[in-house]
């Protein structure tokens, strides 16, 4: 196993100690350590820990990479049972502080001088110590109070080694364990690797903070700490220090005279604006990252973990919202399948039946009677039962929405997240039905059709070889081929017309929404577009009637 064999042995030893010998065997670690015969679901009779607890403790013992892995898994209600998600949510990124001497060396190497010279004051006792970095209080020479985050020495090499090991173990498990194959473990590890590597780079976190500051530049009640670029590198991050009362400190908020009802709505609106307006959101909005200012404004910190929704994912979410509000199980089933991924054939009928029962639970109920968190957990449970897995960004989004609802409900027991979400959902569904959105979907359909047509010759060639090899026999008479040819021609007509219409709509959208000199011609353009699309539709109807046999 190369230079990392000692780390493999360490992982094997930790698994053995927690009675996970069979798991280690599946991962190919059985030859490194003599395991006891223990397996998930077969704990010793006197064992005070459950299997999820054993795995959670094992992750903590294995260090920062595995702690982060568990934290990501705590967002995956679509992959894991509720007991496992709840246990992994207990993982705290809080470890013993690294020695000051090593931190001092990092500061000197990165900033070119001792911290006492770079800063007017620097407290060597950390404010917090996490697995990747430590935070310190300092003061700039102009009197500005800042927080300096310093990456722990040696953590990058350890994380990179662990990620390589995780990729290797995921590939092994995917080959050896039929049950795990449906989860695309290598793909999940790759997503996790990208997330963790981004957290290692403090320059990326600085860019995230600056982007949030730009997005909320005109929001008077939202505070994002300023990045001090002159003392920021990939290993050191200097941010304006945000003071205030933690958002979950109810006694402190009441003592400061903060309106908790208004604060609950503010916190929810900030999260919903990130998600639905900016499509770029803070992926770890726990109460320790939110501080209430004396004037009632809300300050956010810690921008290492973020989520960003693609245009296609946003369209998919809009489709789900639209189908749910219309009480349309068929469309909702299709939207969920398109948003998710699976290694198996989807039992569409079974999924539709589950979705129909799901929507029936909420039929006729007002928004004030519905908990978003419970609704999302039920929906994620349905996805899990049918082996449908969400993209990591979407899973993070659902987790963020549930966390936001929990924080707001603690501030105001009468708070209803769906009431706050309604205007954003309406805006999302309106955008889904807008001309530019329709043009995007037509354009994607055209691209998919183009790819299909490109692959068609190779597919037909493979089919011809299969037929020549005697794979199966097909008996068709010429009279039976004519309807097939007719249908193919009609499909071809629609594909071509659809691609032309998509290009036309896209062009109109670009012209109308772009240069102002075209806006005066908006009516002419839309009229021309409508006429052309109508002509295409007439052509298609004519071709249908032409092929229909006369009575």
Protein backbone atom coordinates (compact mmCIF):
# COMPACT_ATOMS: atom_id res chain seq x y z
CA UNK A 1 0.00 0.00 0.00
CA UNK A 2 3.02 2.28 -0.30
CA UNK A 3 4.10 5.09 1.98
CA UNK A 4 0.65 5.40 3.53
CA UNK A 5 0.50 1.80 4.78
CA UNK A 6 0.89 2.93 8.41
CA UNK A 7 -2.19 5.13 8.00
CA UNK A 8 -4.10 2.16 6.55
CA UNK A 9 -3.09 0.12 9.60
CA UNK A 10 -4.19 2.93 11.90
CA UNK A 11 -7.60 3.08 10.21
CA UNK A 12 -7.89 -0.69 10.47
CA UNK A 13 -6.99 -0.64 14.16
CA UNK A 14 -9.62 2.01 14.93
CA UNK A 15 -12.28 0.03 13.07
CA UNK A 16 -11.33 -3.13 14.95
CA UNK A 17 -11.49 -1.34 18.28
CA UNK A 18 -15.07 -0.31 17.53
CA UNK A 19 -16.23 -3.75 16.43
CA UNK A 20 -16.29 -2.92 12.72
CA UNK A 21 -14.10 -5.78 11.54
CA UNK A 22 -16.37 -6.92 8.71
CA UNK A 23 -16.49 -3.38 7.34
CA UNK A 24 -12.70 -3.27 7.41
CA UNK A 25 -12.59 -6.59 5.58
CA UNK A 26 -14.81 -5.26 2.80
CA UNK A 27 -12.50 -2.25 2.53
CA UNK A 28 -9.52 -4.54 2.05
CA UNK A 29 -7.90 -3.81 5.40
CA UNK A 30 -8.34 -7.28 6.87
CA UNK A 31 -4.78 -8.36 6.06
CA UNK A 32 -3.21 -5.48 7.98
CA UNK A 33 -4.71 -6.03 11.42
CA UNK A 34 -6.12 -9.22 12.98
CA UNK A 35 -9.76 -8.22 13.29
CA UNK A 36 -12.36 -9.62 15.64
CA UNK A 37 -15.50 -10.80 13.95
CA UNK A 38 -17.70 -7.78 14.52
CA UNK A 39 -20.17 -6.27 12.13
CA UNK A 40 -22.55 -3.41 11.89
CA UNK A 41 -25.76 -4.45 13.59
CA UNK A 42 -24.07 -7.07 15.80
CA UNK A 43 -22.67 -5.18 18.77
CA UNK A 44 -21.58 -7.04 21.87
CA UNK A 45 -24.31 -7.58 24.45
CA UNK A 46 -22.63 -5.41 27.10
CA UNK A 47 -21.62 -2.74 24.58
CA UNK A 48 -22.95 0.64 25.84
CA UNK A 49 -22.68 2.20 22.37
CA UNK A 50 -24.92 1.84 19.34
CA UNK A 51 -23.41 1.21 15.92
CA UNK A 52 -23.87 4.85 14.83
CA UNK A 53 -22.12 5.96 18.03
CA UNK A 54 -19.23 3.58 17.36
CA UNK A 55 -18.76 4.98 13.87
CA UNK A 56 -19.01 8.58 15.09
CA UNK A 57 -16.35 8.00 17.76
CA UNK A 58 -14.15 6.20 15.21
CA UNK A 59 -14.37 9.22 12.90
CA UNK A 60 -13.34 11.52 15.74
CA UNK A 61 -10.34 9.32 16.52
CA UNK A 62 -9.21 9.31 12.88
CA UNK A 63 -8.82 13.08 12.74
CA UNK A 64 -9.82 16.12 10.68
CA UNK A 65 -10.54 14.48 7.32
CA UNK A 66 -12.87 11.90 8.85
CA UNK A 67 -14.55 14.42 11.15
CA UNK A 68 -15.32 16.56 8.10
CA UNK A 69 -16.58 13.47 6.28
CA UNK A 70 -18.98 12.74 9.14
CA UNK A 71 -20.18 16.35 9.15
CA UNK A 72 -20.95 16.15 5.44
CA UNK A 73 -22.75 12.83 5.98
CA UNK A 74 -24.89 14.53 8.63
CA UNK A 75 -26.49 16.49 5.77
CA UNK A 76 -27.34 13.38 3.75
CA UNK A 77 -30.85 12.45 4.83
CA UNK A 78 -31.22 10.97 1.34
CA UNK A 79 -28.45 8.44 2.01
CA UNK A 80 -28.57 7.52 5.69
CA UNK A 81 -31.21 6.55 8.25
CA UNK A 82 -32.27 9.26 10.70
CA UNK A 83 -30.36 7.70 13.63
CA UNK A 84 -27.07 7.87 11.71
CA UNK A 85 -27.67 11.45 10.54
CA UNK A 86 -28.47 12.53 14.10
CA UNK A 87 -25.32 10.88 15.45
CA UNK A 88 -23.04 12.38 12.82
CA UNK A 89 -24.56 15.81 13.55
CA UNK A 90 -22.91 15.54 16.99
CA UNK A 91 -19.44 15.64 15.44
CA UNK A 92 -17.79 18.80 16.68
CA UNK A 93 -14.84 20.34 14.90
CA UNK A 94 -13.30 21.23 18.27
CA UNK A 95 -9.89 19.77 19.09
CA UNK A 96 -6.93 20.46 21.33
CA UNK A 97 -4.97 23.53 20.25
CA UNK A 98 -1.73 23.08 18.32
CA UNK A 99 1.37 24.47 20.12
CA UNK A 100 1.93 28.21 19.76
CA UNK A 101 5.46 27.73 18.45
CA UNK A 102 4.23 25.98 15.31
CA UNK A 103 1.50 28.59 14.73
CA UNK A 104 4.05 31.37 15.20
CA UNK A 105 6.26 29.78 12.54
CA UNK A 106 3.36 29.71 10.08
CA UNK A 107 2.62 33.40 10.71
CA UNK A 108 6.26 34.33 10.25
CA UNK A 109 6.57 32.35 7.00
CA UNK A 110 3.34 33.74 5.54
CA UNK A 111 3.49 37.38 6.68
CA UNK A 112 7.27 37.87 6.60
CA UNK A 113 7.65 38.97 10.23
CA UNK A 114 6.77 37.97 13.76
CA UNK A 115 3.10 38.56 14.65
CA UNK A 116 4.11 41.14 17.26
CA UNK A 117 5.47 43.33 14.46
CA UNK A 118 2.69 42.71 11.91
CA UNK A 119 -0.07 43.45 14.42
CA UNK A 120 -0.28 46.05 17.18
CA UNK A 121 -1.49 43.29 19.51
CA UNK A 122 -1.74 39.53 19.09
CA UNK A 123 -3.09 37.18 21.79
CA UNK A 124 -1.29 33.79 21.56
CA UNK A 125 -4.16 32.04 23.36
CA UNK A 126 -6.58 30.86 20.64
CA UNK A 127 -10.22 31.90 20.64
CA UNK A 128 -11.06 28.52 19.10
CA UNK A 129 -9.21 25.48 17.82
CA UNK A 130 -10.60 23.37 14.99
CA UNK A 131 -9.21 20.46 13.02
CA UNK A 132 -7.98 22.60 10.11
CA UNK A 133 -7.15 25.92 11.77
CA UNK A 134 -7.11 28.03 14.91
CA UNK A 135 -8.50 31.52 15.49
CA UNK A 136 -6.75 34.31 17.41
CA UNK A 137 -7.74 37.79 18.54
CA UNK A 138 -5.52 40.60 17.27
CA UNK A 139 -5.51 44.35 16.68
CA UNK A 140 -4.21 46.12 13.58
CA UNK A 141 -1.98 49.19 13.89
CA UNK A 142 -4.94 51.45 13.04
CA UNK A 143 -6.85 50.07 16.03
CA UNK A 144 -9.15 47.72 14.09
CA UNK A 145 -9.97 44.53 15.99
CA UNK A 146 -9.59 41.43 13.87
CA UNK A 147 -9.70 37.64 14.06
CA UNK A 148 -6.73 35.83 12.54
CA UNK A 149 -7.28 32.26 11.39
CA UNK A 150 -4.10 30.20 11.01
CA UNK A 151 -3.96 26.81 9.34
CA UNK A 152 -2.51 24.11 11.58
CA UNK A 153 0.97 22.90 10.57
CA UNK A 154 0.97 19.61 8.66
CA UNK A 155 -2.78 19.45 8.15
CA UNK A 156 -2.64 19.73 4.34
CA UNK A 157 -0.34 16.73 3.93
CA UNK A 158 -2.52 14.69 6.30
CA UNK A 159 -5.75 15.63 4.53
CA UNK A 160 -4.32 14.86 1.08
CA UNK A 161 -3.09 11.45 2.26
CA UNK A 162 -6.46 10.69 3.84
CA UNK A 163 -8.36 11.74 0.71
CA UNK A 164 -6.21 9.43 -1.42
CA UNK A 165 -6.92 6.60 1.03
CA UNK A 166 -10.66 7.35 1.02
CA UNK A 167 -10.73 7.25 -2.79
CA UNK A 168 -8.93 3.91 -2.75
CA UNK A 169 -11.24 2.45 -0.11
CA UNK A 170 -14.34 3.74 -1.93
CA UNK A 171 -13.22 2.04 -5.15
CA UNK A 172 -12.64 -1.23 -3.28
CA UNK A 173 -16.01 -1.10 -1.54
CA UNK A 174 -17.72 -0.32 -4.85
CA UNK A 175 -16.18 -3.43 -6.41
CA UNK A 176 -16.69 -5.80 -3.49
CA UNK A 177 -19.97 -4.76 -1.86
CA UNK A 178 -23.11 -5.01 -3.98
CA UNK A 179 -25.22 -3.13 -1.43
CA UNK A 180 -22.94 -0.09 -1.47
CA UNK A 181 -22.71 0.11 -5.27
CA UNK A 182 -26.09 1.82 -5.56
CA UNK A 183 -24.72 4.83 -3.64
CA UNK A 184 -21.87 5.67 -6.07
CA UNK A 185 -19.37 5.84 -3.22
CA UNK A 186 -16.46 6.95 -5.46
CA UNK A 187 -18.56 9.87 -6.69
CA UNK A 188 -19.50 10.88 -3.15
CA UNK A 189 -15.85 10.79 -2.07
CA UNK A 190 -14.91 12.96 -5.05
CA UNK A 191 -17.56 15.54 -4.10
CA UNK A 192 -16.33 15.49 -0.51
CA UNK A 193 -12.71 15.90 -1.65
CA UNK A 194 -13.56 19.05 -3.61
CA UNK A 195 -15.37 20.53 -0.61
CA UNK A 196 -12.56 19.79 1.85
CA UNK A 197 -9.77 21.00 -0.45
CA UNK A 198 -11.60 24.32 -0.80
CA UNK A 199 -11.75 24.63 3.01
CA UNK A 200 -7.98 24.18 3.21
CA UNK A 201 -7.39 27.32 1.16
CA UNK A 202 -8.03 30.47 3.18
CA UNK A 203 -7.82 32.56 0.02
CA UNK A 204 -10.95 30.76 -1.16
CA UNK A 205 -12.68 31.51 2.13
CA UNK A 206 -11.66 35.16 1.74
CA UNK A 207 -13.22 35.22 -1.74
CA UNK A 208 -16.39 33.68 -0.32
CA UNK A 209 -16.59 36.38 2.36
CA UNK A 210 -16.06 39.12 -0.21
CA UNK A 211 -18.77 37.68 -2.44
CA UNK A 212 -21.26 37.59 0.44
CA UNK A 213 -20.31 41.17 1.32
CA UNK A 214 -21.01 42.22 -2.27
CA UNK A 215 -24.33 40.36 -2.39
CA UNK A 216 -25.52 42.06 0.82
CA UNK A 217 -23.85 45.43 0.27
CA UNK A 218 -27.22 47.24 0.36
CA UNK A 219 -28.75 45.21 3.20
CA UNK A 220 -28.57 47.49 6.24
CA UNK A 221 -29.32 44.71 8.73
CA UNK A 222 -26.76 42.20 7.45
CA UNK A 223 -23.09 42.46 8.42
CA UNK A 224 -20.31 40.52 6.70
CA UNK A 225 -16.77 40.90 8.13
CA UNK A 226 -14.28 42.77 5.99
CA UNK A 227 -11.30 40.80 4.68
CA UNK A 228 -7.91 42.42 5.36
CA UNK A 229 -6.02 41.31 2.29
CA UNK A 230 -2.60 42.59 3.35
CA UNK A 231 -2.47 39.95 6.10
CA UNK A 232 -4.31 37.17 4.27
CA UNK A 233 -2.70 34.24 2.44
CA UNK A 234 -3.65 30.63 1.70
CA UNK A 235 -2.61 29.73 5.29
CA UNK A 236 -3.61 32.90 7.18
CA UNK A 237 -6.95 34.72 7.03
CA UNK A 238 -7.53 38.09 8.73
CA UNK A 239 -11.12 39.22 9.15
CA UNK A 240 -12.85 42.08 10.91
CA UNK A 241 -13.91 40.86 14.34
CA UNK A 242 -17.66 40.58 14.78
CA UNK A 243 -18.96 40.93 18.31
CA UNK A 244 -22.50 40.62 19.56
CA UNK A 245 -24.91 38.15 21.13
CA UNK A 246 -25.15 34.62 19.75
CA UNK A 247 -28.45 34.18 17.98
CA UNK A 248 -29.43 31.28 20.26
CA UNK A 249 -28.69 33.16 23.51
CA UNK A 250 -32.31 34.03 24.30
CA UNK A 251 -31.56 35.59 27.68
CA UNK A 252 -28.82 37.76 26.20
CA UNK A 253 -31.11 38.87 23.37
CA UNK A 254 -33.89 39.78 25.77
CA UNK A 255 -31.45 41.68 28.01
CA UNK A 256 -30.27 43.65 24.95
CA UNK A 257 -33.87 44.51 24.04
CA UNK A 258 -33.78 42.61 20.71
CA UNK A 259 -37.14 41.89 19.05
CA UNK A 260 -36.88 38.11 18.69
CA UNK A 261 -39.87 37.83 16.35
CA UNK A 262 -38.30 40.31 13.91
CA UNK A 263 -34.92 38.62 14.32
CA UNK A 264 -36.39 35.21 13.42
CA UNK A 265 -37.80 36.63 10.19
CA UNK A 266 -34.53 38.45 9.43
CA UNK A 267 -32.47 35.30 9.83
CA UNK A 268 -34.83 33.32 7.61
CA UNK A 269 -34.90 36.06 4.96
CA UNK A 270 -31.09 36.15 4.86
CA UNK A 271 -30.91 32.41 4.21
CA UNK A 272 -33.73 32.47 1.65
CA UNK A 273 -32.17 35.42 -0.17
CA UNK A 274 -28.87 33.54 -0.39
CA UNK A 275 -30.59 30.47 -1.79
CA UNK A 276 -33.26 31.81 -4.12
CA UNK A 277 -31.90 35.21 -5.17
CA UNK A 278 -28.13 34.75 -5.07
CA UNK A 279 -27.93 30.94 -5.51
CA UNK A 280 -24.83 31.12 -3.29
CA UNK A 281 -25.36 30.27 0.35
CA UNK A 282 -23.61 29.82 3.66
CA UNK A 283 -23.63 26.04 4.13
CA UNK A 284 -23.04 26.02 7.89
CA UNK A 285 -25.42 28.59 9.43
CA UNK A 286 -25.40 27.14 12.95
CA UNK A 287 -25.98 29.59 15.85
CA UNK A 288 -22.24 29.85 16.60
CA UNK A 289 -21.76 31.54 13.23
CA UNK A 290 -24.43 34.23 13.74
CA UNK A 291 -24.12 37.20 16.10
CA UNK A 292 -26.77 39.84 16.77
CA UNK A 293 -25.54 43.44 16.86
CA UNK A 294 -26.84 46.06 19.33
CA UNK A 295 -28.97 47.63 16.57
CA UNK A 296 -30.59 44.26 15.74
CA UNK A 297 -28.48 43.58 12.64
CA UNK A 298 -27.18 40.05 12.09
CA UNK A 299 -23.49 39.36 11.51
CA UNK A 300 -22.34 36.15 9.80
CA UNK A 301 -18.93 34.52 10.15
CA UNK A 302 -17.05 31.43 8.91
CA UNK A 303 -17.33 31.15 5.15
CA UNK A 304 -15.28 28.00 4.60
CA UNK A 305 -18.25 25.84 3.65
CA UNK A 306 -20.57 27.30 1.02
CA UNK A 307 -23.01 25.98 -1.52
CA UNK A 308 -23.72 27.20 -5.02
CA UNK A 309 -26.71 26.15 -7.09
CA UNK A 310 -26.37 25.71 -10.82
CA UNK A 311 -28.99 27.08 -13.15
CA UNK A 312 -30.13 23.55 -13.94
CA UNK A 313 -30.47 22.64 -10.25
CA UNK A 314 -32.46 25.81 -9.60
CA UNK A 315 -34.78 24.94 -12.48
CA UNK A 316 -35.17 21.46 -11.00
CA UNK A 317 -36.06 22.86 -7.58
CA UNK A 318 -38.54 25.22 -9.19
CA UNK A 319 -40.14 22.26 -10.95
CA UNK A 320 -40.53 20.48 -7.62
CA UNK A 321 -42.09 23.53 -5.96
CA UNK A 322 -44.43 24.08 -8.91
CA UNK A 323 -45.55 20.44 -9.01
CA UNK A 324 -46.10 20.36 -5.24
CA UNK A 325 -48.18 23.57 -5.21
CA UNK A 326 -50.28 22.21 -8.09
CA UNK A 327 -50.74 18.87 -6.28
CA UNK A 328 -49.38 17.07 -9.35
CA UNK A 329 -47.75 13.74 -8.27
CA UNK A 330 -46.82 12.76 -11.84
CA UNK A 331 -44.84 15.93 -12.51
CA UNK A 332 -43.36 15.87 -9.00
CA UNK A 333 -42.17 12.29 -9.53
CA UNK A 334 -40.52 13.25 -12.82
CA UNK A 335 -38.91 16.35 -11.28
CA UNK A 336 -37.45 14.34 -8.40
CA UNK A 337 -36.03 11.69 -10.74
CA UNK A 338 -34.45 14.37 -12.93
CA UNK A 339 -32.92 16.15 -9.93
CA UNK A 340 -31.57 12.94 -8.37
CA UNK A 341 -29.25 10.20 -9.51
CA UNK A 342 -29.19 6.46 -9.03
CA UNK A 343 -27.23 3.44 -10.21
CA UNK A 344 -30.38 1.32 -10.52
CA UNK A 345 -33.53 1.42 -12.61
CA UNK A 346 -36.09 3.58 -10.82
CA UNK A 347 -39.33 1.95 -9.74
CA UNK A 348 -41.33 4.82 -11.13
CA UNK A 349 -44.72 3.36 -10.26
CA UNK A 350 -43.68 2.74 -6.66
CA UNK A 351 -42.12 6.20 -6.40
CA UNK A 352 -45.26 7.82 -7.80
CA UNK A 353 -47.39 5.95 -5.28
CA UNK A 354 -45.19 7.20 -2.42
CA UNK A 355 -45.25 10.76 -3.78
CA UNK A 356 -49.05 10.64 -4.14
CA UNK A 357 -49.34 9.63 -0.47
CA UNK A 358 -46.86 12.37 0.45
CA UNK A 359 -48.79 15.14 -1.31
CA UNK A 360 -52.08 13.85 0.13
CA UNK A 361 -50.77 14.50 3.66
CA UNK A 362 -50.57 18.22 2.91
CA UNK A 363 -53.64 18.66 0.74
CA UNK A 364 -55.91 21.38 2.07
CA UNK A 365 -53.57 22.36 4.90
CA UNK A 366 -52.48 25.96 5.41
CA UNK A 367 -48.81 26.90 5.46
CA UNK A 368 -49.03 27.68 9.18
CA UNK A 369 -49.81 24.00 9.83
CA UNK A 370 -46.77 22.61 7.99
CA UNK A 371 -43.20 22.22 9.22
CA UNK A 372 -40.71 22.56 6.37
CA UNK A 373 -38.19 20.39 8.22
CA UNK A 374 -40.67 17.53 8.69
CA UNK A 375 -41.83 17.82 5.09
CA UNK A 376 -38.26 17.71 3.76
CA UNK A 377 -37.37 14.77 6.00
CA UNK A 378 -40.38 12.84 4.68
CA UNK A 379 -39.43 13.64 1.10
CA UNK A 380 -35.80 12.65 1.69
CA UNK A 381 -37.01 9.43 3.28
CA UNK A 382 -38.93 8.60 0.09
CA UNK A 383 -35.81 9.27 -2.00
CA UNK A 384 -33.78 7.01 0.28
CA UNK A 385 -36.31 4.19 0.00
CA UNK A 386 -36.09 4.34 -3.78
CA UNK A 387 -32.27 4.65 -3.92
CA UNK A 388 -32.41 8.17 -5.35
CA UNK A 389 -29.48 10.35 -4.27
CA UNK A 390 -29.32 14.12 -4.42
CA UNK A 391 -26.32 16.11 -5.65
CA UNK A 392 -24.27 17.28 -2.67
CA UNK A 393 -25.23 20.93 -3.17
CA UNK A 394 -28.94 20.10 -3.06
CA UNK A 395 -28.51 17.94 0.04
CA UNK A 396 -26.63 20.83 1.68
CA UNK A 397 -29.42 23.19 0.70
CA UNK A 398 -32.09 21.04 2.35
CA UNK A 399 -29.96 20.82 5.49
CA UNK A 400 -29.49 24.62 5.54
CA UNK A 401 -33.24 25.21 5.20
CA UNK A 402 -33.96 22.83 8.07
CA UNK A 403 -31.29 24.49 10.25
CA UNK A 404 -32.69 27.94 9.45
CA UNK A 405 -36.20 26.85 10.42
CA UNK A 406 -34.92 25.39 13.71
CA UNK A 407 -33.02 28.57 14.63
CA UNK A 408 -35.97 30.81 13.77
CA UNK A 409 -38.45 28.63 15.69
CA UNK A 410 -36.23 28.85 18.77
CA UNK A 411 -36.42 32.64 18.58
CA UNK A 412 -40.14 32.69 17.82
CA UNK A 413 -42.18 29.52 18.58
CA UNK A 414 -44.93 30.77 16.23
CA UNK A 415 -42.54 31.18 13.29
CA UNK A 416 -43.45 29.23 10.14
CA UNK A 417 -40.70 28.80 7.57
CA UNK A 418 -43.12 28.08 4.75
CA UNK A 419 -44.82 31.46 5.30
CA UNK A 420 -41.43 33.14 4.88
CA UNK A 421 -40.57 30.92 1.93
CA UNK A 422 -43.81 31.50 0.01
CA UNK A 423 -42.86 34.75 -1.80
CA UNK A 424 -39.50 33.27 -2.78
CA UNK A 425 -41.20 30.11 -4.07
CA UNK A 426 -43.69 32.19 -6.06
CA UNK A 427 -40.83 34.19 -7.55
CA UNK A 428 -39.04 30.93 -8.39
CA UNK A 429 -42.08 29.44 -10.12
CA UNK A 430 -42.71 32.65 -12.07
CA UNK A 431 -39.10 32.54 -13.24
CA UNK A 432 -39.59 28.88 -14.19
CA UNK A 433 -42.39 29.90 -16.59
CA UNK A 434 -40.64 32.97 -17.99
CA UNK A 435 -39.49 33.28 -21.59
CA UNK A 436 -35.74 33.06 -20.75
CA UNK A 437 -36.31 29.95 -18.60
CA UNK A 438 -38.31 28.28 -21.37
CA UNK A 439 -35.56 29.20 -23.83
CA UNK A 440 -32.93 27.61 -21.54
CA UNK A 441 -34.91 24.38 -21.31
CA UNK A 442 -35.44 24.28 -25.07
CA UNK A 443 -31.74 24.94 -25.60
CA UNK A 444 -30.82 22.11 -23.23
CA UNK A 445 -33.27 19.84 -25.01
CA UNK A 446 -31.66 20.79 -28.31
CA UNK A 447 -28.20 20.04 -26.92
CA UNK A 448 -29.38 16.68 -25.60
CA UNK A 449 -30.93 15.88 -28.96
CA UNK A 450 -27.71 16.85 -30.73
CA UNK A 451 -25.71 14.56 -28.45
CA UNK A 452 -28.18 11.75 -29.08
CA UNK A 453 -27.93 12.18 -32.83
CA UNK A 454 -24.13 12.25 -32.59
CA UNK A 455 -24.12 8.96 -30.67
CA UNK A 456 -26.74 7.33 -32.88
CA UNK A 457 -24.38 5.98 -35.62
CA UNK A 458 -22.14 4.25 -33.06
CA UNK A 459 -25.18 2.83 -31.26
CA UNK A 460 -26.62 1.50 -34.53
CA UNK A 461 -23.23 0.03 -35.41
CA UNK A 462 -23.12 -1.85 -32.10
CA UNK A 463 -26.66 -3.06 -32.68
CA UNK A 464 -25.71 -4.29 -36.18
CA UNK A 465 -22.75 -6.24 -34.76
CA UNK A 466 -25.02 -7.74 -32.13
CA UNK A 467 -27.48 -8.84 -34.80
CA UNK A 468 -24.71 -10.27 -36.96
CA UNK A 469 -23.40 -12.24 -33.99
CA UNK A 470 -26.78 -13.85 -33.51
CA UNK A 471 -27.62 -12.03 -30.28
CA UNK A 472 -31.35 -12.09 -31.14
CA UNK A 473 -33.65 -12.32 -34.12
CA UNK A 474 -36.21 -9.79 -35.29
CA UNK A 475 -38.97 -10.62 -37.79
CA UNK A 476 -40.67 -7.66 -39.47
CA UNK A 477 -42.72 -7.38 -42.60
CA UNK A 478 -42.47 -4.37 -44.85
CA UNK A 479 -46.02 -3.37 -43.98
CA UNK A 480 -45.02 -3.31 -40.32
CA UNK A 481 -42.08 -0.98 -40.99
CA UNK A 482 -44.17 1.78 -42.56
CA UNK A 483 -45.77 3.00 -39.29
CA UNK A 484 -42.34 2.97 -37.62
CA UNK A 485 -40.84 5.04 -40.39
CA UNK A 486 -43.76 7.42 -40.21
CA UNK A 487 -43.34 7.90 -36.50
CA UNK A 488 -39.60 8.44 -36.94
CA UNK A 489 -40.27 11.11 -39.53
CA UNK A 490 -42.74 12.86 -37.26
CA UNK A 491 -40.26 12.78 -34.35
CA UNK A 492 -37.58 14.16 -36.65
CA UNK A 493 -39.86 17.00 -37.71
CA UNK A 494 -40.53 17.89 -34.09
CA UNK A 495 -36.87 17.74 -33.12
CA UNK A 496 -35.85 20.05 -35.94
CA UNK A 497 -38.73 22.44 -35.28
CA UNK A 498 -38.02 22.38 -31.55
CA UNK A 499 -34.35 23.22 -32.11
CA UNK A 500 -35.27 26.09 -34.44
CA UNK A 501 -37.83 27.39 -31.96
CA UNK A 502 -35.32 27.12 -29.12
CA UNK A 503 -32.75 29.10 -31.04
CA UNK A 504 -35.35 31.70 -31.97
CA UNK A 505 -36.66 32.09 -28.40
CA UNK A 506 -33.12 32.27 -27.06
CA UNK A 507 -32.20 34.92 -29.60
CA UNK A 508 -35.30 36.99 -28.83
CA UNK A 509 -34.60 36.74 -25.08
CA UNK A 510 -31.02 37.87 -25.61
CA UNK A 511 -32.00 40.80 -27.80
CA UNK A 512 -34.87 42.01 -25.63
CA UNK A 513 -32.95 41.61 -22.37
CA UNK A 514 -29.67 42.99 -23.71
CA UNK A 515 -28.85 46.22 -25.51
CA UNK A 516 -31.39 48.96 -24.77
CA UNK A 517 -31.63 49.97 -28.43
CA UNK A 518 -33.45 46.71 -29.13
CA UNK A 519 -36.08 47.24 -26.44
CA UNK A 520 -38.04 49.64 -28.61
CA UNK A 521 -38.41 46.81 -31.10
CA UNK A 522 -39.56 44.31 -28.48
CA UNK A 523 -43.09 44.10 -29.87
CA UNK A 524 -41.82 43.53 -33.42
CA UNK A 525 -39.40 40.82 -32.30
CA UNK A 526 -41.92 38.98 -30.18
CA UNK A 527 -44.50 39.25 -32.94
CA UNK A 528 -42.03 37.85 -35.47
CA UNK A 529 -41.06 35.11 -33.06
CA UNK A 530 -44.67 34.20 -32.36
CA UNK A 531 -45.45 34.15 -36.08
CA UNK A 532 -42.47 31.94 -36.86
CA UNK A 533 -43.32 29.53 -34.06
CA UNK A 534 -46.92 29.49 -35.28
CA UNK A 535 -45.69 28.70 -38.80
CA UNK A 536 -43.60 25.84 -37.47
CA UNK A 537 -46.62 24.52 -35.56
CA UNK A 538 -48.79 24.75 -38.67
CA UNK A 539 -46.15 22.89 -40.63
CA UNK A 540 -46.10 20.08 -38.09
CA UNK A 541 -49.90 19.79 -38.10
CA UNK A 542 -49.87 19.74 -41.88
CA UNK A 543 -47.34 16.90 -41.95
CA UNK A 544 -49.50 14.95 -39.52
CA UNK A 545 -52.63 15.40 -41.63
CA UNK A 546 -50.73 14.60 -44.83
CA UNK A 547 -49.72 11.17 -43.47
CA UNK A 548 -53.17 10.39 -42.01
CA UNK A 549 -55.03 7.93 -44.27
CA UNK A 550 -58.11 9.30 -45.97
CA UNK A 551 -61.46 7.80 -44.92
